[in-house]
N, C-alpha and C. Protein backbone atom coordinates (compact mmCIF):
# COMPACT_ATOMS: atom_id res chain seq x y z
N MET A 1 79.15 97.41 115.49
CA MET A 1 80.34 98.11 115.06
C MET A 1 80.66 97.71 113.62
N ASN A 2 81.02 98.69 112.79
CA ASN A 2 81.39 98.44 111.41
C ASN A 2 82.86 98.76 111.21
N PRO A 3 83.72 97.75 111.20
CA PRO A 3 85.15 98.02 111.08
C PRO A 3 85.54 98.49 109.68
N ILE A 4 86.60 99.26 109.63
CA ILE A 4 87.21 99.67 108.37
C ILE A 4 88.71 99.41 108.50
N VAL A 5 89.38 99.33 107.38
CA VAL A 5 90.82 99.10 107.36
C VAL A 5 91.47 100.32 106.71
N ILE A 6 92.42 100.93 107.42
CA ILE A 6 93.18 102.04 106.85
C ILE A 6 94.66 101.67 106.92
N ILE A 7 95.30 101.69 105.77
CA ILE A 7 96.71 101.32 105.66
C ILE A 7 97.53 102.60 105.51
N PRO A 8 98.41 102.90 106.48
CA PRO A 8 99.25 104.09 106.33
C PRO A 8 100.43 103.80 105.41
N ALA A 9 100.78 104.77 104.57
CA ALA A 9 101.92 104.58 103.67
C ALA A 9 102.57 105.91 103.35
N ARG A 10 103.90 105.89 103.27
CA ARG A 10 104.64 107.10 102.89
C ARG A 10 105.91 106.68 102.16
N MET A 11 106.40 107.57 101.33
CA MET A 11 107.57 107.27 100.51
C MET A 11 108.88 107.47 101.26
N ALA A 12 108.88 108.21 102.36
CA ALA A 12 110.11 108.62 103.03
C ALA A 12 110.61 107.64 104.09
N ALA A 13 110.39 106.36 103.90
CA ALA A 13 110.91 105.39 104.86
C ALA A 13 112.43 105.50 104.93
N THR A 14 112.99 105.40 106.11
CA THR A 14 114.44 105.55 106.25
C THR A 14 115.21 104.30 105.82
N ARG A 15 114.68 103.13 106.07
CA ARG A 15 115.40 101.90 105.71
C ARG A 15 115.24 101.52 104.26
N LEU A 16 114.08 101.81 103.66
CA LEU A 16 113.85 101.48 102.26
C LEU A 16 112.98 102.57 101.63
N PRO A 17 113.61 103.68 101.26
CA PRO A 17 112.84 104.77 100.65
C PRO A 17 112.07 104.29 99.41
N GLY A 18 110.84 104.76 99.28
CA GLY A 18 110.02 104.37 98.14
C GLY A 18 109.38 103.00 98.28
N LYS A 19 109.44 102.41 99.46
CA LYS A 19 108.95 101.05 99.68
C LYS A 19 107.52 100.82 99.20
N PRO A 20 106.57 101.72 99.41
CA PRO A 20 105.20 101.44 98.96
C PRO A 20 105.08 101.16 97.47
N LEU A 21 105.99 101.73 96.68
CA LEU A 21 105.91 101.54 95.23
C LEU A 21 106.92 100.51 94.73
N ALA A 22 107.59 99.82 95.65
CA ALA A 22 108.53 98.77 95.24
C ALA A 22 107.80 97.74 94.40
N ASP A 23 108.40 97.39 93.28
CA ASP A 23 107.79 96.45 92.34
C ASP A 23 107.96 95.02 92.86
N ILE A 24 106.85 94.34 93.04
CA ILE A 24 106.86 92.94 93.45
C ILE A 24 106.04 92.18 92.42
N GLY A 25 106.72 91.49 91.54
CA GLY A 25 106.02 90.74 90.49
C GLY A 25 105.20 91.61 89.58
N GLY A 26 105.67 92.83 89.32
CA GLY A 26 104.96 93.73 88.43
C GLY A 26 103.86 94.55 89.07
N VAL A 27 103.73 94.45 90.39
CA VAL A 27 102.67 95.17 91.12
C VAL A 27 103.32 95.96 92.26
N PRO A 28 102.96 97.24 92.43
CA PRO A 28 103.49 97.99 93.57
C PRO A 28 103.11 97.33 94.90
N MET A 29 104.03 97.34 95.84
CA MET A 29 103.78 96.68 97.12
C MET A 29 102.50 97.19 97.79
N ILE A 30 102.23 98.49 97.74
CA ILE A 30 101.03 99.01 98.40
C ILE A 30 99.77 98.43 97.78
N VAL A 31 99.79 98.15 96.49
CA VAL A 31 98.63 97.55 95.83
C VAL A 31 98.46 96.11 96.30
N ARG A 32 99.56 95.40 96.48
CA ARG A 32 99.47 94.02 97.02
C ARG A 32 98.87 94.03 98.42
N VAL A 33 99.33 94.97 99.26
CA VAL A 33 98.80 95.08 100.63
C VAL A 33 97.32 95.43 100.58
N LEU A 34 96.95 96.37 99.73
CA LEU A 34 95.55 96.75 99.56
C LEU A 34 94.69 95.54 99.18
N ARG A 35 95.14 94.79 98.20
CA ARG A 35 94.37 93.62 97.74
C ARG A 35 94.23 92.55 98.83
N GLN A 36 95.27 92.34 99.60
CA GLN A 36 95.19 91.36 100.69
C GLN A 36 94.20 91.83 101.76
N ALA A 37 94.23 93.12 102.07
CA ALA A 37 93.28 93.65 103.05
C ALA A 37 91.85 93.54 102.54
N GLN A 38 91.64 93.82 101.25
CA GLN A 38 90.31 93.68 100.67
C GLN A 38 89.85 92.22 100.70
N ALA A 39 90.76 91.31 100.41
CA ALA A 39 90.43 89.88 100.38
C ALA A 39 90.05 89.36 101.76
N ALA A 40 90.55 90.01 102.81
CA ALA A 40 90.21 89.58 104.18
C ALA A 40 88.74 89.80 104.48
N GLY A 41 88.10 90.73 103.77
CA GLY A 41 86.67 90.93 103.93
C GLY A 41 86.24 91.52 105.25
N VAL A 42 87.12 92.24 105.91
CA VAL A 42 86.80 92.83 107.21
C VAL A 42 85.86 94.02 107.07
N GLY A 43 86.06 94.80 106.03
CA GLY A 43 85.27 96.00 105.79
C GLY A 43 85.92 96.82 104.71
N PRO A 44 85.45 98.04 104.51
CA PRO A 44 86.05 98.91 103.49
C PRO A 44 87.53 99.14 103.79
N VAL A 45 88.32 99.28 102.72
CA VAL A 45 89.76 99.46 102.86
C VAL A 45 90.17 100.76 102.16
N ALA A 46 91.03 101.52 102.81
CA ALA A 46 91.58 102.74 102.22
C ALA A 46 93.05 102.84 102.59
N VAL A 47 93.80 103.55 101.77
CA VAL A 47 95.20 103.82 102.05
C VAL A 47 95.33 105.28 102.45
N ALA A 48 95.95 105.53 103.60
CA ALA A 48 96.25 106.89 104.05
C ALA A 48 97.66 107.19 103.57
N ALA A 49 97.76 107.95 102.48
CA ALA A 49 99.04 108.16 101.81
C ALA A 49 99.63 109.52 102.11
N GLY A 50 100.93 109.53 102.29
CA GLY A 50 101.63 110.78 102.51
C GLY A 50 102.17 111.40 101.24
N ASP A 51 101.95 110.74 100.10
CA ASP A 51 102.52 111.20 98.84
C ASP A 51 101.55 110.94 97.69
N SER A 52 101.52 111.85 96.74
CA SER A 52 100.59 111.72 95.61
C SER A 52 100.91 110.51 94.72
N GLU A 53 102.17 110.07 94.69
CA GLU A 53 102.53 108.89 93.90
C GLU A 53 101.83 107.64 94.42
N ILE A 54 101.69 107.55 95.73
CA ILE A 54 101.00 106.41 96.33
C ILE A 54 99.51 106.49 96.00
N VAL A 55 98.94 107.67 96.11
CA VAL A 55 97.53 107.86 95.77
C VAL A 55 97.29 107.41 94.33
N ALA A 56 98.15 107.83 93.42
CA ALA A 56 97.99 107.48 92.00
C ALA A 56 98.05 105.97 91.79
N ALA A 57 98.98 105.29 92.45
CA ALA A 57 99.11 103.83 92.29
C ALA A 57 97.88 103.11 92.82
N VAL A 58 97.40 103.53 93.97
CA VAL A 58 96.22 102.89 94.58
C VAL A 58 94.98 103.13 93.73
N GLU A 59 94.78 104.36 93.29
CA GLU A 59 93.61 104.67 92.48
C GLU A 59 93.67 103.98 91.12
N ALA A 60 94.86 103.84 90.55
CA ALA A 60 95.01 103.13 89.27
C ALA A 60 94.62 101.67 89.40
N ALA A 61 94.76 101.13 90.62
CA ALA A 61 94.38 99.74 90.88
C ALA A 61 92.93 99.62 91.32
N GLY A 62 92.20 100.74 91.33
CA GLY A 62 90.79 100.71 91.70
C GLY A 62 90.53 100.86 93.18
N GLY A 63 91.56 101.20 93.96
CA GLY A 63 91.40 101.35 95.40
C GLY A 63 91.13 102.78 95.80
N ARG A 64 90.87 102.97 97.08
CA ARG A 64 90.60 104.30 97.63
C ARG A 64 91.83 104.76 98.40
N ALA A 65 92.27 105.97 98.12
CA ALA A 65 93.42 106.54 98.82
C ALA A 65 93.08 107.95 99.28
N ILE A 66 93.60 108.30 100.44
CA ILE A 66 93.38 109.62 101.02
C ILE A 66 94.75 110.27 101.20
N LEU A 67 94.96 111.41 100.57
CA LEU A 67 96.24 112.11 100.70
C LEU A 67 96.27 112.85 102.03
N THR A 68 97.31 112.57 102.81
CA THR A 68 97.47 113.21 104.12
C THR A 68 98.75 114.04 104.10
N ASP A 69 98.94 114.84 105.11
CA ASP A 69 100.12 115.69 105.24
C ASP A 69 101.38 114.81 105.28
N PRO A 70 102.33 115.04 104.40
CA PRO A 70 103.54 114.20 104.38
C PRO A 70 104.41 114.37 105.63
N ASP A 71 104.19 115.42 106.40
CA ASP A 71 105.01 115.68 107.58
C ASP A 71 104.45 115.08 108.87
N LEU A 72 103.38 114.31 108.77
CA LEU A 72 102.84 113.68 109.99
C LEU A 72 103.91 112.76 110.58
N PRO A 73 104.02 112.72 111.92
CA PRO A 73 105.13 112.00 112.55
C PRO A 73 105.01 110.48 112.60
N SER A 74 103.81 109.93 112.38
CA SER A 74 103.68 108.48 112.51
C SER A 74 102.53 107.95 111.66
N GLY A 75 102.53 106.64 111.50
CA GLY A 75 101.42 105.99 110.80
C GLY A 75 100.11 106.18 111.52
N SER A 76 100.14 106.19 112.84
CA SER A 76 98.92 106.40 113.62
C SER A 76 98.34 107.79 113.35
N ASP A 77 99.22 108.78 113.27
CA ASP A 77 98.76 110.14 112.96
C ASP A 77 98.18 110.20 111.55
N ARG A 78 98.78 109.47 110.63
CA ARG A 78 98.29 109.43 109.24
C ARG A 78 96.89 108.81 109.20
N ILE A 79 96.69 107.74 109.95
CA ILE A 79 95.37 107.09 110.01
C ILE A 79 94.34 108.05 110.59
N LEU A 80 94.68 108.73 111.67
CA LEU A 80 93.76 109.68 112.29
C LEU A 80 93.39 110.80 111.32
N ALA A 81 94.36 111.29 110.57
CA ALA A 81 94.09 112.35 109.59
C ALA A 81 93.16 111.83 108.49
N ALA A 82 93.35 110.60 108.07
CA ALA A 82 92.49 110.02 107.03
C ALA A 82 91.07 109.85 107.55
N LEU A 83 90.93 109.45 108.80
CA LEU A 83 89.59 109.29 109.39
C LEU A 83 88.85 110.62 109.44
N ALA A 84 89.58 111.71 109.58
CA ALA A 84 88.96 113.03 109.66
C ALA A 84 88.42 113.49 108.31
N GLU A 85 88.85 112.85 107.23
CA GLU A 85 88.39 113.24 105.88
C GLU A 85 86.98 112.79 105.63
């Protein structure tokens, strides 16, 4: 089995809107999460993003992002949509 890591992310969080792009020490939070997942060395890492802003941030950091339908109801649905790409 060859594991992969897919991180679901969307801008429309109800408790903290825009959370994936929240600045933490000059780096967007989603990029920090991406780097930690890559450092774990489990396998290839991608972000399943519901918004083009997230895709842009991840790609600017050299990561792989897959744009998914922003209306998907859950992170699990976002991951499944990314796997279908």
